[in-house]
C-alpha cells in the first residue's frame, strides 16, 4: 500500500466545493493511480473521520494559449469527493474556509 500522504495530494478549495462542506462532502485532488479503497483509508487515517462514500472522476486538461503560442494544456488530474458518515466529526482544515 502507498503512503497516505502520496494518495491525497491537496484539498480543492472552490466556491462549489465549499458549499458542500455543511453536508460533510469534501473534495480532494488525489493520485491518478489511487483507487476508492486507498482514498477512503487515507482520509480516515489523516483526518481521523469515518468515510461513508467516495466518488472519483478524472478531470481532463484544458487547452490553453499564451500570447502568440496556441499550443499547451493544463494538467490532467483526478478528483475525489468524500462523503462522511452522519456521526463523524467534520474535517477541521475546512472549517475556517467557509
Protein backbone atom coordinates (compact mmCIF):
# COMPACT_ATOMS: atom_id res chain seq x y z
CA UNK A 1 0.00 0.00 0.00
CA UNK A 2 1.11 3.55 -0.70
CA UNK A 3 1.88 6.18 1.91
CA UNK A 4 -1.37 8.02 2.74
CA UNK A 5 0.25 11.37 2.00
CA UNK A 6 1.06 10.15 -1.52
CA UNK A 7 -2.62 9.34 -2.14
CA UNK A 8 -4.12 12.69 -1.04
CA UNK A 9 -2.32 15.49 -2.92
CA UNK A 10 -4.28 18.60 -1.87
CA UNK A 11 -7.78 19.79 -0.96
CA UNK A 12 -9.75 21.52 -3.68
CA UNK A 13 -10.90 24.90 -2.38
CA UNK A 14 -13.51 26.32 -4.74
CA UNK A 15 -16.83 28.05 -4.25
CA UNK A 16 -18.72 24.96 -5.36
CA UNK A 17 -16.78 22.58 -3.11
CA UNK A 18 -17.17 24.85 -0.08
CA UNK A 19 -20.98 24.80 -0.44
CA UNK A 20 -20.89 21.04 0.22
CA UNK A 21 -18.92 21.25 3.48
CA UNK A 22 -22.06 21.67 5.59
CA UNK A 23 -23.39 18.31 4.30
CA UNK A 24 -19.99 16.70 5.07
CA UNK A 25 -18.74 16.39 1.49
CA UNK A 26 -15.10 17.25 0.89
CA UNK A 27 -13.17 17.45 -2.39
CA UNK A 28 -9.53 16.42 -2.81
CA UNK A 29 -7.05 16.09 -5.64
CA UNK A 30 -5.70 12.55 -5.42
CA UNK A 31 -3.02 10.49 -7.13
CA UNK A 32 -4.11 9.35 -10.60
CA UNK A 33 -3.42 5.72 -9.71
CA UNK A 34 -5.33 5.77 -6.40
CA UNK A 35 -8.50 3.70 -6.12
CA UNK A 36 -11.53 4.36 -3.91
CA UNK A 37 -10.40 2.00 -1.14
CA UNK A 38 -7.00 3.69 -0.89
CA UNK A 39 -8.61 7.15 -0.85
CA UNK A 40 -11.03 6.11 1.89
CA UNK A 41 -8.24 4.65 4.04
CA UNK A 42 -6.04 7.72 3.54
CA UNK A 43 -8.76 10.23 4.50
CA UNK A 44 -9.75 8.17 7.56
CA UNK A 45 -6.15 7.91 8.72
CA UNK A 46 -5.10 11.54 8.07
CA UNK A 47 -8.20 13.31 9.42
CA UNK A 48 -9.49 10.68 11.92
CA UNK A 49 -13.02 10.60 10.46
CA UNK A 50 -15.41 7.90 9.17
CA UNK A 51 -15.93 7.89 5.41
CA UNK A 52 -19.28 6.74 4.03
CA UNK A 53 -18.75 7.10 0.27
CA UNK A 54 -16.03 8.06 -2.20
CA UNK A 55 -16.69 9.15 -5.78
CA UNK A 56 -13.88 9.84 -8.23
CA UNK A 57 -13.52 11.45 -11.62
CA UNK A 58 -10.67 12.17 -13.99
CA UNK A 59 -10.55 15.86 -14.89
CA UNK A 60 -9.06 16.32 -18.38
CA UNK A 61 -6.60 19.09 -19.09
CA UNK A 62 -7.93 22.15 -20.89
CA UNK A 63 -6.32 23.62 -23.98
CA UNK A 64 -4.74 26.96 -23.15
CA UNK A 65 -2.80 29.54 -25.11
CA UNK A 66 -0.37 32.19 -24.03
CA UNK A 67 0.16 35.10 -26.38
CA UNK A 68 1.05 34.01 -29.88
CA UNK A 69 1.73 30.40 -28.85
CA UNK A 70 -1.53 28.47 -29.25
CA UNK A 71 -0.45 25.04 -28.06
CA UNK A 72 -0.48 23.91 -24.46
CA UNK A 73 -2.66 22.10 -21.97
CA UNK A 74 -3.29 22.33 -18.26
CA UNK A 75 -2.59 19.11 -16.39
CA UNK A 76 -4.98 16.18 -16.23
CA UNK A 77 -5.82 15.25 -12.63
CA UNK A 78 -8.04 13.01 -10.55
CA UNK A 79 -10.69 14.42 -8.22
CA UNK A 80 -12.27 12.59 -5.27
CA UNK A 81 -15.43 13.68 -3.46
CA UNK A 82 -15.53 12.16 0.02
CA UNK A 83 -18.83 11.91 1.95
CA UNK A 84 -18.53 11.40 5.70
CA UNK A 85 -20.95 9.46 7.91
CA UNK A 86 -23.61 11.32 9.89
CA UNK A 87 -21.96 10.66 13.27
CA UNK A 88 -18.44 11.51 12.06
CA UNK A 89 -16.75 14.73 13.10
CA UNK A 90 -16.01 17.37 10.45
CA UNK A 91 -12.60 17.91 8.90
CA UNK A 92 -11.20 20.90 10.79
CA UNK A 93 -8.99 22.01 7.89
CA UNK A 94 -12.07 23.22 6.00
CA UNK A 95 -13.73 24.99 8.98
CA UNK A 96 -12.07 28.40 8.53
CA UNK A 97 -12.66 28.39 4.76
CA UNK A 98 -16.46 28.51 4.84
